[in-house]
Amino acid sequence: MLLPTAGTVTAVNTDLDSAPNALEDDTYRSGGIVEVVLNDPAAYDDLLTPLRMAREARS
């Protein structure tokens, strides 16, 4: 899996093993794949929000 920043995976959503459709059903609540602690917390400001991502995709 590629991530848009450097960090350490601290948790994996093992519920996806038995319910992979959670990614489509509830992406922002229960469908996350991993939790990551960023190496540089300031990098968070450079990540795209869902709204910015949608705008980028349309342009």
C-alpha atoms as a PDB file:
ATOM      1  CA  MET A   1       0.000   0.000   0.000  1.00  0.00           C
ATOM      2  CA  LEU A   2       1.281   3.433  -0.886  1.00  0.00           C
ATOM      3  CA  LEU A   3       0.646   6.308   1.478  1.00  0.00           C
ATOM      4  CA  PRO A   4       0.950  10.000   0.575  1.00  0.00           C
ATOM      5  CA  THR A   5       3.393  10.653   3.411  1.00  0.00           C
ATOM      6  CA  ALA A   6       5.970   8.888   5.559  1.00  0.00           C
ATOM      7  CA  GLY A   7       4.903   7.319   8.829  1.00  0.00           C
ATOM      8  CA  THR A   8       4.501   4.229  10.945  1.00  0.00           C
ATOM      9  CA  VAL A   9       1.479   1.934  10.724  1.00  0.00           C
ATOM     10  CA  THR A  10       0.169   1.578  14.269  1.00  0.00           C
ATOM     11  CA  ALA A  11      -3.017  -0.420  13.636  1.00  0.00           C
ATOM     12  CA  VAL A  12      -4.572  -2.569  10.918  1.00  0.00           C
ATOM     13  CA  ASN A  13      -8.315  -2.994  10.444  1.00  0.00           C
ATOM     14  CA  THR A  14      -8.538  -6.784  10.567  1.00  0.00           C
ATOM     15  CA  ASP A  15     -12.348  -6.547  10.344  1.00  0.00           C
ATOM     16  CA  LEU A  16     -11.830  -6.060   6.612  1.00  0.00           C
ATOM     17  CA  ASP A  17     -10.736  -9.701   6.357  1.00  0.00           C
ATOM     18  CA  SER A  18     -14.339 -10.786   6.850  1.00  0.00           C
ATOM     19  CA  ALA A  19     -16.128  -7.639   5.582  1.00  0.00           C
ATOM     20  CA  PRO A  20     -14.133  -5.955   2.818  1.00  0.00           C
ATOM     21  CA  ASN A  21     -17.260  -4.132   1.628  1.00  0.00           C
ATOM     22  CA  ALA A  22     -16.902  -1.840   4.664  1.00  0.00           C
ATOM     23  CA  LEU A  23     -14.572   0.239   2.503  1.00  0.00           C
ATOM     24  CA  GLU A  24     -17.480   1.103   0.235  1.00  0.00           C
ATOM     25  CA  ASP A  25     -20.216   1.142   2.873  1.00  0.00           C
ATOM     26  CA  ASP A  26     -18.609   3.422   5.471  1.00  0.00           C
ATOM     27  CA  THR A  27     -15.219   4.605   4.242  1.00  0.00           C
ATOM     28  CA  TYR A  28     -14.661   7.372   6.794  1.00  0.00           C
ATOM     29  CA  ARG A  29     -15.879   5.585   9.905  1.00  0.00           C
ATOM     30  CA  SER A  30     -15.396   1.827  10.004  1.00  0.00           C
ATOM     31  CA  GLY A  31     -13.775   1.214   6.655  1.00  0.00           C
ATOM     32  CA  GLY A  32     -10.310   2.591   7.307  1.00  0.00           C
ATOM     33  CA  ILE A  33      -7.530   0.223   6.330  1.00  0.00           C
ATOM     34  CA  VAL A  34      -4.752   1.348   8.664  1.00  0.00           C
ATOM     35  CA  GLU A  35      -3.894   3.960  11.283  1.00  0.00           C
ATOM     36  CA  VAL A  36      -0.646   5.816  10.716  1.00  0.00           C
ATOM     37  CA  VAL A  37       1.455   8.090  12.915  1.00  0.00           C
ATOM     38  CA  LEU A  38       3.146  10.594  10.640  1.00  0.00           C
ATOM     39  CA  ASN A  39       6.915  10.956  10.884  1.00  0.00           C
ATOM     40  CA  ASP A  40       6.449  14.710  10.434  1.00  0.00           C
ATOM     41  CA  PRO A  41       3.134  15.903  11.910  1.00  0.00           C
ATOM     42  CA  ALA A  42       3.386  19.119   9.872  1.00  0.00           C
ATOM     43  CA  ALA A  43       2.919  16.953   6.760  1.00  0.00           C
ATOM     44  CA  TYR A  44      -0.734  16.544   7.800  1.00  0.00           C
ATOM     45  CA  ASP A  45      -1.430  20.031   6.483  1.00  0.00           C
ATOM     46  CA  ASP A  46      -0.342  18.952   2.996  1.00  0.00           C
ATOM     47  CA  LEU A  47      -2.731  15.978   2.792  1.00  0.00           C
ATOM     48  CA  LEU A  48      -5.877  16.336   0.709  1.00  0.00           C
ATOM     49  CA  THR A  49      -9.243  16.447   2.429  1.00  0.00           C
ATOM     50  CA  PRO A  50     -12.076  14.538   0.726  1.00  0.00           C
ATOM     51  CA  LEU A  51     -13.365  17.846  -0.657  1.00  0.00           C
ATOM     52  CA  ARG A  52      -9.979  18.886  -2.049  1.00  0.00           C
ATOM     53  CA  MET A  53      -9.502  15.417  -3.524  1.00  0.00           C
ATOM     54  CA  ALA A  54     -12.842  15.652  -5.344  1.00  0.00           C
ATOM     55  CA  ARG A  55     -11.926  19.088  -6.697  1.00  0.00           C
ATOM     56  CA  GLU A  56      -8.522  17.823  -7.889  1.00  0.00           C
ATOM     57  CA  ALA A  57     -10.159  14.869  -9.628  1.00  0.00           C
ATOM     58  CA  ARG A  58     -12.513  17.157 -11.551  1.00  0.00           C
ATOM     59  CA  SER A  59      -9.775  19.483 -12.822  1.00  0.00           C
END
